[in-house]
Amino acid sequence: METAGGGTADKLAMYGEFARVGQVLGNPLRLQLLDLLAQAERSVEDLATVAAATVGNTSAQLRALREAGLVVTRREGNRVYYRLAGPDVLDLLATLTRVANTRAAGAERAVRAYLGDTAGLEAIDRDELATRLRDGATVVLDVRPRAEYDAGHIPRARSMPLDELAARIDDLPPDAQIVAYCRGPYCVYAPEAARLLRAAGRDARLLPGGWADWALAGLPVETAAA
């Protein structure tokens, strides 16, 4: 029995509006764009380059995300920059990917194939890392591209993008424990960085949830201008 506030048609209309957001999320490129925008504000052209997509396709997917209220824009000269509409969008993305990885066998297999075997890589959780940041004995490496580090990073983290790491290993203290992180739980940069560091004889560990989980937890962050 429906209440006096509305009937079946109203209920279906309500769920229909909820379903619109789900439909928008049912596209791999759109999910990838949201993941990239969780790191930093970006232009259409930059997003297309990083996502290995055409500018036209990227623009079309961003338009759908904007119409669903998931991203917002600002204009600077001739360029339009996109960012997430709010932290709730990042929370939605994190929940969707976590549930898929936990419940869908195909997603779990795809994650393993992409990230490789991470079972042999030791991890440290964000609460323990937050405590260790105060003792100064742990070196935290942000292995994302520099622009993402500049937009926001874990306090005291060093920017050392993955493609520069091999040439800069000697810049790291030889006896320090190193914790590498990247965009989130499904980012390949940190596992690859940990493998490279361990092959060089360093004590390297992962922050599994990366920047996304750190930010969602409301832990302190810094920007390049801070």
Protein backbone atom coordinates (compact mmCIF):
# COMPACT_ATOMS: atom_id res chain seq x y z
CA MET A 1 0.00 0.00 0.00
CA GLU A 2 1.32 3.41 -0.97
CA THR A 3 1.25 6.26 1.54
CA ALA A 4 -0.66 9.50 1.06
CA GLY A 5 2.57 11.14 -0.07
CA GLY A 6 2.60 9.43 -3.46
CA GLY A 7 1.47 6.50 -5.53
CA THR A 8 3.13 3.83 -7.61
CA ALA A 9 3.81 6.20 -10.50
CA ASP A 10 5.59 8.64 -8.20
CA LYS A 11 7.66 5.85 -6.71
CA LEU A 12 8.69 4.57 -10.13
CA ALA A 13 9.57 8.10 -11.20
CA MET A 14 11.72 8.50 -8.12
CA TYR A 15 13.60 5.26 -8.74
CA GLY A 16 13.85 6.19 -12.39
CA GLU A 17 15.82 9.29 -11.44
CA PHE A 18 18.10 7.18 -9.24
CA ALA A 19 18.55 4.76 -12.13
CA ARG A 20 19.73 7.58 -14.40
CA VAL A 21 22.88 7.88 -12.30
CA GLY A 22 23.42 4.13 -12.48
CA GLN A 23 23.03 4.21 -16.24
CA VAL A 24 25.61 6.97 -16.53
CA LEU A 25 28.06 4.90 -14.50
CA GLY A 26 27.59 1.92 -16.81
CA ASN A 27 30.44 3.00 -19.09
CA PRO A 28 34.12 2.10 -18.54
CA LEU A 29 35.51 5.36 -19.90
CA ARG A 30 33.23 7.43 -17.67
CA LEU A 31 34.42 5.50 -14.61
CA GLN A 32 38.01 6.05 -15.65
CA LEU A 33 37.38 9.78 -16.10
CA LEU A 34 35.86 9.99 -12.61
CA ASP A 35 38.91 8.18 -11.22
CA LEU A 36 41.21 10.69 -12.90
CA LEU A 37 39.14 13.65 -11.68
CA ALA A 38 39.38 12.27 -8.14
CA GLN A 39 43.09 13.12 -8.36
CA ALA A 40 42.94 16.61 -9.80
CA GLU A 41 40.93 19.05 -11.88
CA ARG A 42 41.68 18.50 -15.57
CA SER A 43 40.89 19.85 -19.01
CA VAL A 44 39.16 17.76 -21.66
CA GLU A 45 42.38 17.55 -23.64
CA ASP A 46 44.41 16.35 -20.67
CA LEU A 47 41.80 13.76 -19.74
CA ALA A 48 41.73 12.46 -23.31
CA THR A 49 45.50 12.08 -23.34
CA VAL A 50 45.71 10.26 -20.01
CA ALA A 51 42.71 8.04 -20.79
CA ALA A 52 44.03 7.25 -24.30
CA ALA A 53 40.73 8.38 -25.83
CA THR A 54 39.80 10.89 -28.50
CA VAL A 55 38.94 14.41 -27.42
CA GLY A 56 35.49 14.06 -29.02
CA ASN A 57 34.64 10.86 -27.15
CA THR A 58 36.03 12.21 -23.89
CA SER A 59 33.98 15.38 -24.25
CA ALA A 60 30.82 13.35 -24.90
CA GLN A 61 31.36 11.18 -21.82
CA LEU A 62 32.07 14.22 -19.66
CA ARG A 63 28.87 15.83 -20.91
CA ALA A 64 26.91 12.79 -19.74
CA LEU A 65 28.61 12.92 -16.34
CA ARG A 66 27.83 16.61 -16.05
CA GLU A 67 24.17 16.12 -16.98
CA ALA A 68 23.95 13.52 -14.20
CA GLY A 69 25.37 16.04 -11.72
CA LEU A 70 28.55 14.06 -11.08
CA VAL A 71 31.05 16.62 -12.39
CA VAL A 72 31.15 20.40 -12.63
CA THR A 73 33.13 22.73 -14.85
CA ARG A 74 34.90 26.05 -14.98
CA ARG A 75 36.22 27.91 -17.99
CA GLU A 76 39.66 29.46 -18.28
CA GLY A 77 40.17 31.18 -21.60
CA ASN A 78 39.32 28.69 -24.33
CA ARG A 79 39.69 25.68 -22.06
CA VAL A 80 37.04 23.98 -19.94
CA TYR A 81 38.21 22.26 -16.77
CA TYR A 82 36.30 19.48 -15.03
CA ARG A 83 36.28 18.32 -11.42
CA LEU A 84 34.15 16.04 -9.29
CA ALA A 85 30.96 17.66 -8.06
CA GLY A 86 31.79 16.68 -4.47
CA PRO A 87 33.36 14.06 -2.20
CA ASP A 88 30.13 12.05 -2.35
CA VAL A 89 30.91 11.30 -6.00
CA LEU A 90 34.27 9.83 -5.00
CA ASP A 91 32.50 7.84 -2.29
CA LEU A 92 30.05 6.52 -4.90
CA LEU A 93 32.89 5.50 -7.21
CA ALA A 94 34.77 3.80 -4.36
CA THR A 95 31.66 1.89 -3.28
CA LEU A 96 30.82 0.77 -6.79
CA THR A 97 34.31 -0.56 -7.52
CA ARG A 98 34.64 -2.21 -4.11
CA VAL A 99 31.30 -4.01 -4.38
CA ALA A 100 32.07 -5.11 -7.95
CA ASN A 101 35.47 -6.45 -6.93
CA THR A 102 33.97 -8.29 -3.95
CA ARG A 103 30.83 -9.67 -5.60
CA ALA A 104 31.58 -10.08 -9.30
CA ALA A 105 34.00 -12.85 -10.20
CA GLY A 106 34.78 -11.23 -13.53
CA ALA A 107 35.76 -7.97 -11.86
CA GLU A 108 37.98 -9.78 -9.38
CA ARG A 109 39.79 -11.60 -12.19
CA ALA A 110 40.20 -8.36 -14.13
CA VAL A 111 41.70 -6.63 -11.10
CA ARG A 112 44.22 -9.46 -10.60
CA ALA A 113 45.16 -9.41 -14.27
CA TYR A 114 45.72 -5.66 -14.23
CA LEU A 115 47.52 -5.25 -10.91
CA GLY A 116 49.48 -8.49 -11.08
CA ASP A 117 50.26 -10.60 -8.04
CA THR A 118 50.22 -8.29 -5.03
CA ALA A 119 50.08 -11.08 -2.44
CA GLY A 120 53.83 -10.92 -1.90
CA LEU A 121 53.84 -7.16 -1.40
CA GLU A 122 53.51 -6.08 2.22
CA ALA A 123 50.92 -3.43 2.93
CA ILE A 124 50.40 -0.78 5.56
CA ASP A 125 46.95 0.63 6.27
CA ARG A 126 46.17 4.33 6.31
CA ASP A 127 45.70 4.58 10.10
CA GLU A 128 49.11 3.07 10.76
CA LEU A 129 50.67 5.33 8.14
CA ALA A 130 49.04 8.38 9.71
CA THR A 131 50.72 7.42 12.99
CA ARG A 132 54.07 6.78 11.35
CA LEU A 133 54.07 10.15 9.63
CA ARG A 134 54.65 11.69 13.03
CA ASP A 135 57.79 9.66 13.76
CA GLY A 136 59.66 10.64 10.61
CA ALA A 137 61.13 7.15 10.13
CA THR A 138 58.96 6.23 7.15
CA VAL A 139 59.46 7.64 3.66
CA VAL A 140 56.18 8.06 1.80
CA LEU A 141 56.36 8.08 -1.99
CA ASP A 142 53.61 9.49 -4.18
CA VAL A 143 54.20 7.75 -7.51
CA ARG A 144 51.39 9.46 -9.40
CA PRO A 145 52.12 12.03 -12.13
CA ARG A 146 53.39 15.31 -10.68
CA ALA A 147 50.24 17.29 -11.53
CA GLU A 148 48.18 14.95 -9.37
CA TYR A 149 50.64 15.28 -6.50
CA ASP A 150 50.51 19.07 -6.80
CA ALA A 151 46.71 19.05 -6.56
CA GLY A 152 46.76 17.12 -3.28
CA HIS A 153 48.93 14.57 -1.49
CA ILE A 154 49.59 12.91 1.84
CA PRO A 155 51.55 15.24 4.15
CA ARG A 156 55.36 14.84 3.88
CA ALA A 157 55.03 12.56 0.86
CA ARG A 158 57.73 12.86 -1.77
CA SER A 159 56.72 13.16 -5.39
CA MET A 160 58.51 10.47 -7.37
CA PRO A 161 56.44 9.52 -10.44
CA LEU A 162 56.77 5.90 -11.45
CA ASP A 163 58.53 6.71 -14.71
CA GLU A 164 61.26 8.55 -12.75
CA LEU A 165 61.65 6.10 -9.89
CA ALA A 166 64.36 3.84 -11.31
CA ALA A 167 66.65 6.81 -11.92
CA ARG A 168 66.00 8.31 -8.48
CA ILE A 169 66.20 5.33 -6.13
CA ASP A 170 69.58 6.50 -4.85
CA ASP A 171 67.90 9.72 -3.64
CA LEU A 172 66.07 7.66 -1.00
CA PRO A 173 67.59 6.87 2.39
CA PRO A 174 69.01 3.33 2.09
CA ASP A 175 67.74 2.02 5.43
CA ALA A 176 64.32 3.67 5.53
CA GLN A 177 61.03 1.85 5.20
CA ILE A 178 59.32 3.14 2.08
CA VAL A 179 55.55 3.24 1.56
CA ALA A 180 54.37 3.83 -2.00
CA TYR A 181 50.91 4.98 -2.97
CA CYS A 182 49.09 6.05 -6.10
CA ARG A 183 45.53 6.92 -7.13
CA GLY A 184 43.51 4.28 -5.33
CA PRO A 185 43.05 0.56 -4.77
CA TYR A 186 42.97 -0.19 -8.51
CA CYS A 187 45.99 1.85 -9.57
CA VAL A 188 48.95 -0.13 -10.91
CA TYR A 189 51.66 2.46 -10.19
CA ALA A 190 52.18 1.66 -6.50
CA PRO A 191 52.50 -2.13 -6.92
CA GLU A 192 54.98 -1.60 -9.75
CA ALA A 193 56.92 0.89 -7.64
CA ALA A 194 57.05 -1.53 -4.70
CA ARG A 195 58.32 -4.33 -6.94
CA LEU A 196 61.01 -2.06 -8.39
CA LEU A 197 62.13 -0.91 -4.95
CA ARG A 198 62.21 -4.43 -3.54
CA ALA A 199 64.27 -5.60 -6.51
CA ALA A 200 66.74 -2.86 -5.60
CA GLY A 201 66.95 -4.21 -2.06
CA ARG A 202 64.73 -1.61 -0.40
CA ASP A 203 62.12 -2.21 2.30
CA ALA A 204 59.06 -1.18 0.28
CA ARG A 205 55.39 -1.48 1.17
CA LEU A 206 52.04 -0.43 -0.28
CA LEU A 207 49.28 1.84 0.90
CA PRO A 208 46.51 -0.27 -0.71
CA GLY A 209 43.74 2.32 -0.83
CA GLY A 210 46.04 5.04 -2.11
CA TRP A 211 45.11 8.68 -2.35
CA ALA A 212 41.38 8.02 -2.85
CA ASP A 213 40.89 6.16 0.44
CA TRP A 214 43.10 8.64 2.32
CA ALA A 215 41.02 11.57 1.08
CA LEU A 216 37.71 9.81 1.74
CA ALA A 217 38.79 9.14 5.33
CA GLY A 218 39.16 12.88 5.89
CA LEU A 219 42.83 12.59 6.83
CA PRO A 220 45.15 15.60 6.49
CA VAL A 221 46.27 16.54 3.00
CA GLU A 222 48.70 19.02 1.48
CA THR A 223 48.94 20.73 -1.90
CA ALA A 224 52.02 21.92 -3.74
CA ALA A 225 51.20 25.49 -2.72
CA ALA A 226 50.88 24.61 0.99
